[in-house]
Amino acid sequence: MSDFSAHTPALGSLLTAMVTPFTKDGAVDYEQAKALATKLVDDGCDGLVVTGTTGETSTLTDAENLGMFRAVKEAVGDRAAIIAGTGTNDTAHSVHLSQEAAALGVDGLLLVTPYYNKPSQAGIRAHFEAVANAVDVPVMLYDIPGRSSIAIEPDTMIRLAQHHNIVAVKDAKADFVAAARVMAETDLAFYSGDDGLTLPWMALGAVGLVGVTTHVATRRFRELIDAVNANDLGTARKINAELLPVVRATMTRVQGAVAAKQILKWQGVLPNSIVRLPLVEPDEAEIETIRGDLAEAGLVFS
């Protein structure tokens, strides 16, 4: 891996939660994934999350997940941190997939809170510790109660921070008070899990962003993070304001993977915008709304 700046933790500061490209017949397109990963790193990402939520991990087989880890690692693994999305709501399955990913040489794991099962806080802690005990790879916890239905409570997070492999949190619940307490009492590196909240998160002490809009505005997010790290709040505010309609287009009109693939197709980065059921591509009304948001940011596609 390349040398990171003094402001950048080992897992990077600008991470894109990559989409998983598909061929016309619905197979994983590993060559297109390599090309996308290369472009993202060329444009400023120093980390990539592979087959997280935006990578449609729920509808990928284990072989496809591992194939994506391998492909992206081969493409940019010497230039950026590769974080494998290996969390599921089945602890044994998460352990297995995490061990297989670690064997491929990934730089970290993203573990989402177990969804649907609705475990207690003790169960959440035991789940994460079981995975962290099974590998010797840095772990980033993914706190997203909007999808998992359960938040990782501050006391739980503080206890998990005592594990030597648990080093970071992707926060998508935006409880700044809770996060401030965890930051004050642990060494966990926090990442914004909400693209539009990157600036306030970093003002609080987060080290960067794991984003989706970063697919389509990579360089501007790089400039935003660099401006905050340079204590140039005026520039950071200006960039943040410019990015708001792009974030709206990517994150609020349809599911993030759906929107990102559609915009990447318009940009000529991906050859198609195919997603797997139960996701579907946007309808005409949704497309026009997305186009309107992007036009507000000066992004117009034929």
C-alpha atoms as a PDB file:
ATOM      1  CA  MET A   1       0.000   0.000   0.000  1.00  0.00           C
ATOM      2  CA  SER A   2       1.053   3.550  -0.634  1.00  0.00           C
ATOM      3  CA  ASP A   3       2.057   5.990   2.081  1.00  0.00           C
ATOM      4  CA  PHE A   4      -0.888   7.914   3.508  1.00  0.00           C
ATOM      5  CA  SER A   5      -0.812  11.499   4.676  1.00  0.00           C
ATOM      6  CA  ALA A   6      -0.501  12.404   8.334  1.00  0.00           C
ATOM      7  CA  HIS A   7      -4.265  12.991   8.435  1.00  0.00           C
ATOM      8  CA  THR A   8      -5.152   9.613   6.948  1.00  0.00           C
ATOM      9  CA  PRO A   9      -5.645   6.405   8.934  1.00  0.00           C
ATOM     10  CA  ALA A  10      -4.472   3.058   7.585  1.00  0.00           C
ATOM     11  CA  LEU A  11      -7.864   2.286   6.043  1.00  0.00           C
ATOM     12  CA  GLY A  12      -7.924   5.576   4.141  1.00  0.00           C
ATOM     13  CA  SER A  13     -10.001   8.733   4.437  1.00  0.00           C
ATOM     14  CA  LEU A  14     -12.022   8.703   1.197  1.00  0.00           C
ATOM     15  CA  LEU A  15     -13.559   5.281   0.675  1.00  0.00           C
ATOM     16  CA  THR A  16     -16.138   4.419  -1.955  1.00  0.00           C
ATOM     17  CA  ALA A  17     -18.576   1.637  -1.178  1.00  0.00           C
ATOM     18  CA  MET A  18     -18.271   0.166  -4.673  1.00  0.00           C
ATOM     19  CA  VAL A  19     -21.133  -1.037  -6.816  1.00  0.00           C
ATOM     20  CA  THR A  20     -20.779  -4.518  -8.255  1.00  0.00           C
ATOM     21  CA  PRO A  21     -20.948  -4.315 -12.071  1.00  0.00           C
ATOM     22  CA  PHE A  22     -22.932  -6.972 -13.937  1.00  0.00           C
ATOM     23  CA  THR A  23     -22.852  -8.175 -17.525  1.00  0.00           C
ATOM     24  CA  LYS A  24     -25.979  -8.065 -19.701  1.00  0.00           C
ATOM     25  CA  ASP A  25     -26.829 -11.609 -18.635  1.00  0.00           C
ATOM     26  CA  GLY A  26     -26.543 -10.737 -14.938  1.00  0.00           C
ATOM     27  CA  ALA A  27     -23.163 -12.254 -14.121  1.00  0.00           C
ATOM     28  CA  VAL A  28     -20.595 -10.358 -12.064  1.00  0.00           C
ATOM     29  CA  ASP A  29     -18.344  -8.401 -14.427  1.00  0.00           C
ATOM     30  CA  TYR A  30     -14.957  -8.666 -12.749  1.00  0.00           C
ATOM     31  CA  GLU A  31     -13.080  -6.859 -15.506  1.00  0.00           C
ATOM     32  CA  GLN A  32     -15.455  -3.908 -15.255  1.00  0.00           C
ATOM     33  CA  ALA A  33     -15.012  -3.974 -11.476  1.00  0.00           C
ATOM     34  CA  LYS A  34     -11.256  -3.697 -11.937  1.00  0.00           C
ATOM     35  CA  ALA A  35     -11.682  -0.744 -14.288  1.00  0.00           C
ATOM     36  CA  LEU A  36     -14.059   1.022 -11.889  1.00  0.00           C
ATOM     37  CA  ALA A  37     -11.739   0.450  -8.927  1.00  0.00           C
ATOM     38  CA  THR A  38      -8.821   1.856 -10.898  1.00  0.00           C
ATOM     39  CA  LYS A  39     -10.790   4.960 -11.866  1.00  0.00           C
ATOM     40  CA  LEU A  40     -11.920   5.590  -8.293  1.00  0.00           C
ATOM     41  CA  VAL A  41      -8.368   5.380  -6.980  1.00  0.00           C
ATOM     42  CA  ASP A  42      -7.035   7.510  -9.846  1.00  0.00           C
ATOM     43  CA  ASP A  43      -9.621  10.158  -8.916  1.00  0.00           C
ATOM     44  CA  GLY A  44      -8.702  10.282  -5.226  1.00  0.00           C
ATOM     45  CA  CYS A  45      -9.999   7.316  -3.244  1.00  0.00           C
ATOM     46  CA  ASP A  46      -7.455   5.821  -0.865  1.00  0.00           C
ATOM     47  CA  GLY A  47      -9.791   3.027   0.195  1.00  0.00           C
ATOM     48  CA  LEU A  48     -12.539   0.902  -1.360  1.00  0.00           C
ATOM     49  CA  VAL A  49     -15.286  -1.083   0.324  1.00  0.00           C
ATOM     50  CA  VAL A  50     -16.047  -4.109  -1.842  1.00  0.00           C
ATOM     51  CA  THR A  51     -19.448  -5.860  -1.734  1.00  0.00           C
ATOM     52  CA  GLY A  52     -20.978  -3.867   1.047  1.00  0.00           C
ATOM     53  CA  THR A  53     -24.637  -2.864   0.820  1.00  0.00           C
ATOM     54  CA  THR A  54     -24.011  -0.800  -2.314  1.00  0.00           C
ATOM     55  CA  GLY A  55     -22.178  -3.778  -3.790  1.00  0.00           C
ATOM     56  CA  GLU A  56     -25.418  -5.786  -3.542  1.00  0.00           C
ATOM     57  CA  THR A  57     -23.754  -8.311  -1.250  1.00  0.00           C
ATOM     58  CA  SER A  58     -27.120  -9.760  -0.196  1.00  0.00           C
ATOM     59  CA  THR A  59     -27.663 -11.163  -3.686  1.00  0.00           C
ATOM     60  CA  LEU A  60     -24.103 -12.332  -4.354  1.00  0.00           C
ATOM     61  CA  THR A  61     -22.872 -15.854  -3.736  1.00  0.00           C
ATOM     62  CA  ASP A  62     -19.817 -16.396  -1.568  1.00  0.00           C
ATOM     63  CA  ALA A  63     -17.844 -17.227  -4.709  1.00  0.00           C
ATOM     64  CA  GLU A  64     -18.913 -13.916  -6.265  1.00  0.00           C
ATOM     65  CA  ASN A  65     -18.021 -11.971  -3.125  1.00  0.00           C
ATOM     66  CA  LEU A  66     -14.590 -13.555  -3.028  1.00  0.00           C
ATOM     67  CA  GLY A  67     -14.179 -12.992  -6.750  1.00  0.00           C
ATOM     68  CA  MET A  68     -14.838  -9.289  -6.243  1.00  0.00           C
ATOM     69  CA  PHE A  69     -12.343  -9.079  -3.378  1.00  0.00           C
ATOM     70  CA  ARG A  70      -9.736 -10.792  -5.531  1.00  0.00           C
ATOM     71  CA  ALA A  71     -10.395  -8.663  -8.603  1.00  0.00           C
ATOM     72  CA  VAL A  72     -10.266  -5.317  -6.806  1.00  0.00           C
ATOM     73  CA  LYS A  73      -7.220  -6.347  -4.796  1.00  0.00           C
ATOM     74  CA  GLU A  74      -5.442  -7.272  -8.028  1.00  0.00           C
ATOM     75  CA  ALA A  75      -6.409  -3.976  -9.657  1.00  0.00           C
ATOM     76  CA  VAL A  76      -5.524  -1.442  -6.956  1.00  0.00           C
ATOM     77  CA  GLY A  77      -4.410  -3.301  -3.851  1.00  0.00           C
ATOM     78  CA  ASP A  78      -0.999  -1.669  -3.864  1.00  0.00           C
ATOM     79  CA  ARG A  79      -2.528   1.827  -4.067  1.00  0.00           C
ATOM     80  CA  ALA A  80      -5.511   1.775  -1.716  1.00  0.00           C
ATOM     81  CA  ALA A  81      -6.912  -0.082   1.277  1.00  0.00           C
ATOM     82  CA  ILE A  82      -9.326  -2.839   0.245  1.00  0.00           C
ATOM     83  CA  ILE A  83     -12.122  -3.370   2.769  1.00  0.00           C
ATOM     84  CA  ALA A  84     -14.181  -6.515   2.272  1.00  0.00           C
ATOM     85  CA  GLY A  85     -17.853  -6.462   3.170  1.00  0.00           C
ATOM     86  CA  THR A  86     -18.146  -9.787   4.990  1.00  0.00           C
ATOM     87  CA  GLY A  87     -20.845  -9.098   7.564  1.00  0.00           C
ATOM     88  CA  THR A  88     -24.147 -10.994   7.513  1.00  0.00           C
ATOM     89  CA  ASN A  89     -26.812 -11.804  10.088  1.00  0.00           C
ATOM     90  CA  ASP A  90     -25.330 -15.310  10.485  1.00  0.00           C
ATOM     91  CA  THR A  91     -22.257 -15.272  12.716  1.00  0.00           C
ATOM     92  CA  ALA A  92     -20.824 -18.557  11.421  1.00  0.00           C
ATOM     93  CA  HIS A  93     -21.261 -17.419   7.829  1.00  0.00           C
ATOM     94  CA  SER A  94     -19.639 -14.064   8.636  1.00  0.00           C
ATOM     95  CA  VAL A  95     -16.669 -15.834  10.218  1.00  0.00           C
ATOM     96  CA  HIS A  96     -16.241 -18.098   7.186  1.00  0.00           C
ATOM     97  CA  LEU A  97     -16.454 -15.286   4.639  1.00  0.00           C
ATOM     98  CA  SER A  98     -14.145 -13.089   6.720  1.00  0.00           C
ATOM     99  CA  GLN A  99     -11.524 -15.818   6.962  1.00  0.00           C
ATOM    100  CA  GLU A 100     -11.684 -16.414   3.202  1.00  0.00           C
ATOM    101  CA  ALA A 101     -11.350 -12.676   2.533  1.00  0.00           C
ATOM    102  CA  ALA A 102      -8.417 -12.384   4.922  1.00  0.00           C
ATOM    103  CA  ALA A 103      -6.674 -15.220   3.099  1.00  0.00           C
ATOM    104  CA  LEU A 104      -6.919 -13.144  -0.094  1.00  0.00           C
ATOM    105  CA  GLY A 105      -4.969 -10.336   1.553  1.00  0.00           C
ATOM    106  CA  VAL A 106      -7.644  -7.686   2.035  1.00  0.00           C
ATOM    107  CA  ASP A 107      -6.691  -4.768   4.271  1.00  0.00           C
ATOM    108  CA  GLY A 108      -9.811  -4.739   6.422  1.00  0.00           C
ATOM    109  CA  LEU A 109     -13.334  -6.033   6.927  1.00  0.00           C
ATOM    110  CA  LEU A 110     -16.638  -4.159   7.085  1.00  0.00           C
ATOM    111  CA  LEU A 111     -19.065  -5.894   9.456  1.00  0.00           C
ATOM    112  CA  VAL A 112     -22.654  -4.709   9.523  1.00  0.00           C
ATOM    113  CA  THR A 113     -24.815  -5.078  12.610  1.00  0.00           C
ATOM    114  CA  PRO A 114     -26.734  -8.363  12.306  1.00  0.00           C
ATOM    115  CA  TYR A 115     -30.014  -7.520  10.597  1.00  0.00           C
ATOM    116  CA  TYR A 116     -33.480  -9.097  10.926  1.00  0.00           C
ATOM    117  CA  ASN A 117     -32.521 -11.301  13.908  1.00  0.00           C
ATOM    118  CA  LYS A 118     -32.776  -8.330  16.319  1.00  0.00           C
ATOM    119  CA  PRO A 119     -30.163  -9.557  18.833  1.00  0.00           C
ATOM    120  CA  SER A 120     -29.575  -7.903  22.186  1.00  0.00           C
ATOM    121  CA  GLN A 121     -26.568  -5.659  22.737  1.00  0.00           C
ATOM    122  CA  ALA A 122     -24.820  -8.673  24.280  1.00  0.00           C
ATOM    123  CA  GLY A 123     -25.570 -10.631  21.111  1.00  0.00           C
ATOM    124  CA  ILE A 124     -24.269  -7.821  18.906  1.00  0.00           C
ATOM    125  CA  ARG A 125     -21.057  -7.690  20.909  1.00  0.00           C
ATOM    126  CA  ALA A 126     -20.616 -11.473  20.817  1.00  0.00           C
ATOM    127  CA  HIS A 127     -21.206 -11.518  17.052  1.00  0.00           C
ATOM    128  CA  PHE A 128     -18.579  -8.890  16.303  1.00  0.00           C
ATOM    129  CA  GLU A 129     -16.079 -10.394  18.738  1.00  0.00           C
ATOM    130  CA  ALA A 130     -16.518 -13.855  17.208  1.00  0.00           C
ATOM    131  CA  VAL A 131     -15.562 -12.528  13.778  1.00  0.00           C
ATOM    132  CA  ALA A 132     -12.732 -10.358  15.110  1.00  0.00           C
ATOM    133  CA  ASN A 133     -11.336 -13.329  17.027  1.00  0.00           C
ATOM    134  CA  ALA A 134     -11.319 -15.468  13.880  1.00  0.00           C
ATOM    135  CA  VAL A 135      -9.090 -13.205  11.786  1.00  0.00           C
ATOM    136  CA  ASP A 136      -6.030 -11.018  12.097  1.00  0.00           C
ATOM    137  CA  VAL A 137      -7.401  -8.176   9.975  1.00  0.00           C
ATOM    138  CA  PRO A 138      -8.624  -4.718  11.027  1.00  0.00           C
ATOM    139  CA  VAL A 139     -12.397  -4.564  11.462  1.00  0.00           C
ATOM    140  CA  MET A 140     -14.691  -1.626  10.727  1.00  0.00           C
ATOM    141  CA  LEU A 141     -18.092  -1.864  12.415  1.00  0.00           C
ATOM    142  CA  TYR A 142     -21.059  -0.684  10.344  1.00  0.00           C
ATOM    143  CA  ASP A 143     -23.741   0.948  12.494  1.00  0.00           C
ATOM    144  CA  ILE A 144     -26.849   1.405  10.342  1.00  0.00           C
ATOM    145  CA  PRO A 145     -30.073   0.912  12.317  1.00  0.00           C
ATOM    146  CA  GLY A 146     -32.140   2.027   9.312  1.00  0.00           C
ATOM    147  CA  ARG A 147     -31.258  -1.313   7.698  1.00  0.00           C
ATOM    148  CA  SER A 148     -30.408  -3.545  10.657  1.00  0.00           C
ATOM    149  CA  SER A 149     -33.228  -2.214  12.916  1.00  0.00           C
ATOM    150  CA  ILE A 150     -30.820  -2.086  15.882  1.00  0.00           C
ATOM    151  CA  ALA A 151     -28.174   0.510  16.768  1.00  0.00           C
ATOM    152  CA  ILE A 152     -24.850  -0.317  18.354  1.00  0.00           C
ATOM    153  CA  GLU A 153     -25.170   1.450  21.690  1.00  0.00           C
ATOM    154  CA  PRO A 154     -22.231   3.557  22.955  1.00  0.00           C
ATOM    155  CA  ASP A 155     -21.483   1.212  25.856  1.00  0.00           C
ATOM    156  CA  THR A 156     -21.346  -1.714  23.434  1.00  0.00           C
ATOM    157  CA  MET A 157     -19.055   0.152  21.078  1.00  0.00           C
ATOM    158  CA  ILE A 158     -16.746   1.188  23.910  1.00  0.00           C
ATOM    159  CA  ARG A 159     -16.410  -2.439  25.001  1.00  0.00           C
ATOM    160  CA  LEU A 160     -15.823  -3.599  21.424  1.00  0.00           C
ATOM    161  CA  ALA A 161     -13.062  -1.006  21.043  1.00  0.00           C
ATOM    162  CA  GLN A 162     -11.020  -3.018  23.562  1.00  0.00           C
ATOM    163  CA  HIS A 163     -10.584  -5.734  20.927  1.00  0.00           C
ATOM    164  CA  HIS A 164      -7.273  -5.242  19.125  1.00  0.00           C
ATOM    165  CA  ASN A 165      -8.765  -5.978  15.688  1.00  0.00           C
ATOM    166  CA  ILE A 166     -11.762  -3.615  15.978  1.00  0.00           C
ATOM    167  CA  VAL A 167     -10.402  -0.255  14.869  1.00  0.00           C
ATOM    168  CA  ALA A 168     -13.097   1.762  13.084  1.00  0.00           C
ATOM    169  CA  VAL A 169     -16.785   2.561  12.727  1.00  0.00           C
ATOM    170  CA  LYS A 170     -18.841   3.475   9.693  1.00  0.00           C
ATOM    171  CA  ASP A 171     -21.682   5.456  11.265  1.00  0.00           C
ATOM    172  CA  ALA A 172     -24.972   5.767   9.405  1.00  0.00           C
ATOM    173  CA  LYS A 173     -27.181   6.740  12.329  1.00  0.00           C
ATOM    174  CA  ALA A 174     -25.911  10.320  12.808  1.00  0.00           C
ATOM    175  CA  ASP A 175     -26.180  10.342  16.591  1.00  0.00           C
ATOM    176  CA  PHE A 176     -23.449  12.920  17.079  1.00  0.00           C
ATOM    177  CA  VAL A 177     -23.738  12.998  20.861  1.00  0.00           C
ATOM    178  CA  ALA A 178     -23.293   9.240  21.149  1.00  0.00           C
ATOM    179  CA  ALA A 179     -20.412   9.296  18.668  1.00  0.00           C
ATOM    180  CA  ALA A 180     -18.671  12.123  20.493  1.00  0.00           C
ATOM    181  CA  ARG A 181     -18.701  10.061  23.680  1.00  0.00           C
ATOM    182  CA  VAL A 182     -17.263   7.005  21.911  1.00  0.00           C
ATOM    183  CA  MET A 183     -14.569   9.113  20.244  1.00  0.00           C
ATOM    184  CA  ALA A 184     -13.649  10.624  23.608  1.00  0.00           C
ATOM    185  CA  GLU A 185     -13.389   7.263  25.346  1.00  0.00           C
ATOM    186  CA  THR A 186     -11.822   5.092  22.623  1.00  0.00           C
ATOM    187  CA  ASP A 187      -9.349   5.191  19.752  1.00  0.00           C
ATOM    188  CA  LEU A 188     -11.925   4.061  17.185  1.00  0.00           C
ATOM    189  CA  ALA A 189     -11.661   5.871  13.852  1.00  0.00           C
ATOM    190  CA  PHE A 190     -15.094   7.126  12.811  1.00  0.00           C
ATOM    191  CA  TYR A 191     -16.224   7.427   9.200  1.00  0.00           C
ATOM    192  CA  SER A 192     -19.323   9.203   7.990  1.00  0.00           C
ATOM    193  CA  GLY A 193     -21.778   6.705   6.560  1.00  0.00           C
ATOM    194  CA  ASP A 194     -23.978   9.524   5.262  1.00  0.00           C
ATOM    195  CA  ASP A 195     -22.551  11.266   2.202  1.00  0.00           C
ATOM    196  CA  GLY A 196     -24.280  14.560   2.945  1.00  0.00           C
ATOM    197  CA  LEU A 197     -22.988  14.670   6.525  1.00  0.00           C
ATOM    198  CA  THR A 198     -19.289  14.337   5.757  1.00  0.00           C
ATOM    199  CA  LEU A 199     -18.468  17.908   6.775  1.00  0.00           C
ATOM    200  CA  PRO A 200     -20.218  17.864  10.175  1.00  0.00           C
ATOM    201  CA  TRP A 201     -18.854  14.385  10.890  1.00  0.00           C
ATOM    202  CA  MET A 202     -15.301  15.505  10.236  1.00  0.00           C
ATOM    203  CA  ALA A 203     -15.838  18.638  12.295  1.00  0.00           C
ATOM    204  CA  LEU A 204     -16.714  16.327  15.180  1.00  0.00           C
ATOM    205  CA  GLY A 205     -13.564  14.274  14.691  1.00  0.00           C
ATOM    206  CA  ALA A 206     -14.345  11.646  12.054  1.00  0.00           C
ATOM    207  CA  VAL A 207     -11.440  10.728   9.789  1.00  0.00           C
ATOM    208  CA  GLY A 208     -13.346  10.563   6.522  1.00  0.00           C
ATOM    209  CA  LEU A 209     -16.199   9.090   4.510  1.00  0.00           C
ATOM    210  CA  VAL A 210     -17.367   5.731   3.255  1.00  0.00           C
ATOM    211  CA  GLY A 211     -19.629   6.962   0.491  1.00  0.00           C
ATOM    212  CA  VAL A 212     -21.740   6.142  -2.545  1.00  0.00           C
ATOM    213  CA  THR A 213     -21.929   9.579  -4.172  1.00  0.00           C
ATOM    214  CA  THR A 214     -18.150   9.327  -4.290  1.00  0.00           C
ATOM    215  CA  HIS A 215     -18.616   7.132  -7.370  1.00  0.00           C
ATOM    216  CA  VAL A 216     -19.779  10.136  -9.373  1.00  0.00           C
ATOM    217  CA  ALA A 217     -18.033  13.075  -7.679  1.00  0.00           C
ATOM    218  CA  THR A 218     -14.845  11.468  -6.407  1.00  0.00           C
ATOM    219  CA  ARG A 219     -12.521  14.403  -6.898  1.00  0.00           C
ATOM    220  CA  ARG A 220     -14.827  16.903  -5.201  1.00  0.00           C
ATOM    221  CA  PHE A 221     -15.154  14.674  -2.131  1.00  0.00           C
ATOM    222  CA  ARG A 222     -11.362  14.340  -2.093  1.00  0.00           C
ATOM    223  CA  GLU A 223     -11.114  18.125  -2.135  1.00  0.00           C
ATOM    224  CA  LEU A 224     -13.702  18.410   0.652  1.00  0.00           C
ATOM    225  CA  ILE A 225     -11.834  16.032   2.939  1.00  0.00           C
ATOM    226  CA  ASP A 226      -8.489  17.648   2.154  1.00  0.00           C
ATOM    227  CA  ALA A 227      -9.918  21.104   2.878  1.00  0.00           C
ATOM    228  CA  VAL A 228     -11.166  20.006   6.300  1.00  0.00           C
ATOM    229  CA  ASN A 229      -7.790  18.452   7.091  1.00  0.00           C
ATOM    230  CA  ALA A 230      -6.113  21.713   6.038  1.00  0.00           C
ATOM    231  CA  ASN A 231      -8.449  23.627   8.413  1.00  0.00           C
ATOM    232  CA  ASP A 232      -9.872  25.501   5.401  1.00  0.00           C
ATOM    233  CA  LEU A 233     -13.474  25.597   6.559  1.00  0.00           C
ATOM    234  CA  GLY A 234     -14.525  28.174   3.981  1.00  0.00           C
ATOM    235  CA  THR A 235     -13.483  25.981   1.086  1.00  0.00           C
ATOM    236  CA  ALA A 236     -15.014  22.923   2.730  1.00  0.00           C
ATOM    237  CA  ARG A 237     -18.362  24.685   3.117  1.00  0.00           C
ATOM    238  CA  LYS A 238     -18.329  25.800  -0.510  1.00  0.00           C
ATOM    239  CA  ILE A 239     -17.620  22.296  -1.797  1.00  0.00           C
ATOM    240  CA  ASN A 240     -20.200  20.826   0.560  1.00  0.00           C
ATOM    241  CA  ALA A 241     -22.889  23.148  -0.805  1.00  0.00           C
ATOM    242  CA  GLU A 242     -21.976  22.239  -4.377  1.00  0.00           C
ATOM    243  CA  LEU A 243     -22.224  18.531  -3.598  1.00  0.00           C
ATOM    244  CA  LEU A 244     -25.656  18.630  -1.955  1.00  0.00           C
ATOM    245  CA  PRO A 245     -27.718  18.176  -5.154  1.00  0.00           C
ATOM    246  CA  VAL A 246     -25.403  15.356  -6.272  1.00  0.00           C
ATOM    247  CA  VAL A 247     -25.911  13.644  -2.920  1.00  0.00           C
ATOM    248  CA  ARG A 248     -29.662  14.159  -3.267  1.00  0.00           C
ATOM    249  CA  ALA A 249     -29.623  12.577  -6.732  1.00  0.00           C
ATOM    250  CA  THR A 250     -27.602   9.582  -5.622  1.00  0.00           C
ATOM    251  CA  MET A 251     -28.930   8.890  -2.159  1.00  0.00           C
ATOM    252  CA  THR A 252     -32.545  10.020  -1.831  1.00  0.00           C
ATOM    253  CA  ARG A 253     -34.482   9.270  -5.017  1.00  0.00           C
ATOM    254  CA  VAL A 254     -33.915   5.520  -5.345  1.00  0.00           C
ATOM    255  CA  GLN A 255     -31.700   2.984  -3.602  1.00  0.00           C
ATOM    256  CA  GLY A 256     -28.054   4.061  -3.679  1.00  0.00           C
ATOM    257  CA  ALA A 257     -26.694   1.225  -5.821  1.00  0.00           C
ATOM    258  CA  VAL A 258     -29.494   1.779  -8.334  1.00  0.00           C
ATOM    259  CA  ALA A 259     -28.821   5.517  -8.613  1.00  0.00           C
ATOM    260  CA  ALA A 260     -25.035   5.154  -8.671  1.00  0.00           C
ATOM    261  CA  LYS A 261     -25.128   2.632 -11.503  1.00  0.00           C
ATOM    262  CA  GLN A 262     -27.528   4.794 -13.499  1.00  0.00           C
ATOM    263  CA  ILE A 263     -25.320   7.877 -13.153  1.00  0.00           C
ATOM    264  CA  LEU A 264     -22.152   5.914 -13.862  1.00  0.00           C
ATOM    265  CA  LYS A 265     -23.766   4.699 -17.088  1.00  0.00           C
ATOM    266  CA  TRP A 266     -24.584   8.289 -18.060  1.00  0.00           C
ATOM    267  CA  GLN A 267     -20.992   9.239 -17.311  1.00  0.00           C
ATOM    268  CA  GLY A 268     -19.728   6.450 -19.566  1.00  0.00           C
ATOM    269  CA  VAL A 269     -17.995   4.675 -16.683  1.00  0.00           C
ATOM    270  CA  LEU A 270     -20.238   1.579 -16.735  1.00  0.00           C
ATOM    271  CA  PRO A 271     -21.753   0.016 -19.870  1.00  0.00           C
ATOM    272  CA  ASN A 272     -25.082  -0.648 -18.165  1.00  0.00           C
ATOM    273  CA  SER A 273     -27.047   0.006 -14.982  1.00  0.00           C
ATOM    274  CA  ILE A 274     -28.140  -3.576 -14.297  1.00  0.00           C
ATOM    275  CA  VAL A 275     -28.994  -4.518 -10.706  1.00  0.00           C
ATOM    276  CA  ARG A 276     -30.197  -7.804  -9.232  1.00  0.00           C
ATOM    277  CA  LEU A 277     -33.686  -8.422  -7.924  1.00  0.00           C
ATOM    278  CA  PRO A 278     -35.203  -7.400  -5.631  1.00  0.00           C
ATOM    279  CA  LEU A 279     -33.592  -4.141  -6.804  1.00  0.00           C
ATOM    280  CA  VAL A 280     -34.864  -2.744 -10.093  1.00  0.00           C
ATOM    281  CA  GLU A 281     -33.644   0.057 -12.320  1.00  0.00           C
ATOM    282  CA  PRO A 282     -35.298   3.485 -11.951  1.00  0.00           C
ATOM    283  CA  ASP A 283     -38.475   4.260 -13.855  1.00  0.00           C
ATOM    284  CA  GLU A 284     -38.841   7.284 -16.123  1.00  0.00           C
ATOM    285  CA  ALA A 285     -40.218   9.559 -13.396  1.00  0.00           C
ATOM    286  CA  GLU A 286     -37.331   8.674 -11.076  1.00  0.00           C
ATOM    287  CA  ILE A 287     -34.829   9.178 -13.882  1.00  0.00           C
ATOM    288  CA  GLU A 288     -36.153  12.660 -14.584  1.00  0.00           C
ATOM    289  CA  THR A 289     -35.954  13.581 -10.896  1.00  0.00           C
ATOM    290  CA  ILE A 290     -32.354  12.361 -10.720  1.00  0.00           C
ATOM    291  CA  ARG A 291     -31.507  14.270 -13.888  1.00  0.00           C
ATOM    292  CA  GLY A 292     -33.014  17.422 -12.364  1.00  0.00           C
ATOM    293  CA  ASP A 293     -30.882  17.123  -9.238  1.00  0.00           C
ATOM    294  CA  LEU A 294     -27.735  16.575 -11.277  1.00  0.00           C
ATOM    295  CA  ALA A 295     -28.538  19.519 -13.559  1.00  0.00           C
ATOM    296  CA  GLU A 296     -28.714  21.721 -10.460  1.00  0.00           C
ATOM    297  CA  ALA A 297     -25.083  20.749  -9.866  1.00  0.00           C
ATOM    298  CA  GLY A 298     -24.175  21.436 -13.475  1.00  0.00           C
ATOM    299  CA  LEU A 299     -24.132  17.776 -14.500  1.00  0.00           C
ATOM    300  CA  VAL A 300     -26.175  17.277 -17.665  1.00  0.00           C
ATOM    301  CA  PHE A 301     -26.158  14.061 -19.695  1.00  0.00           C
ATOM    302  CA  SER A 302     -27.733  13.335 -23.063  1.00  0.00           C
END
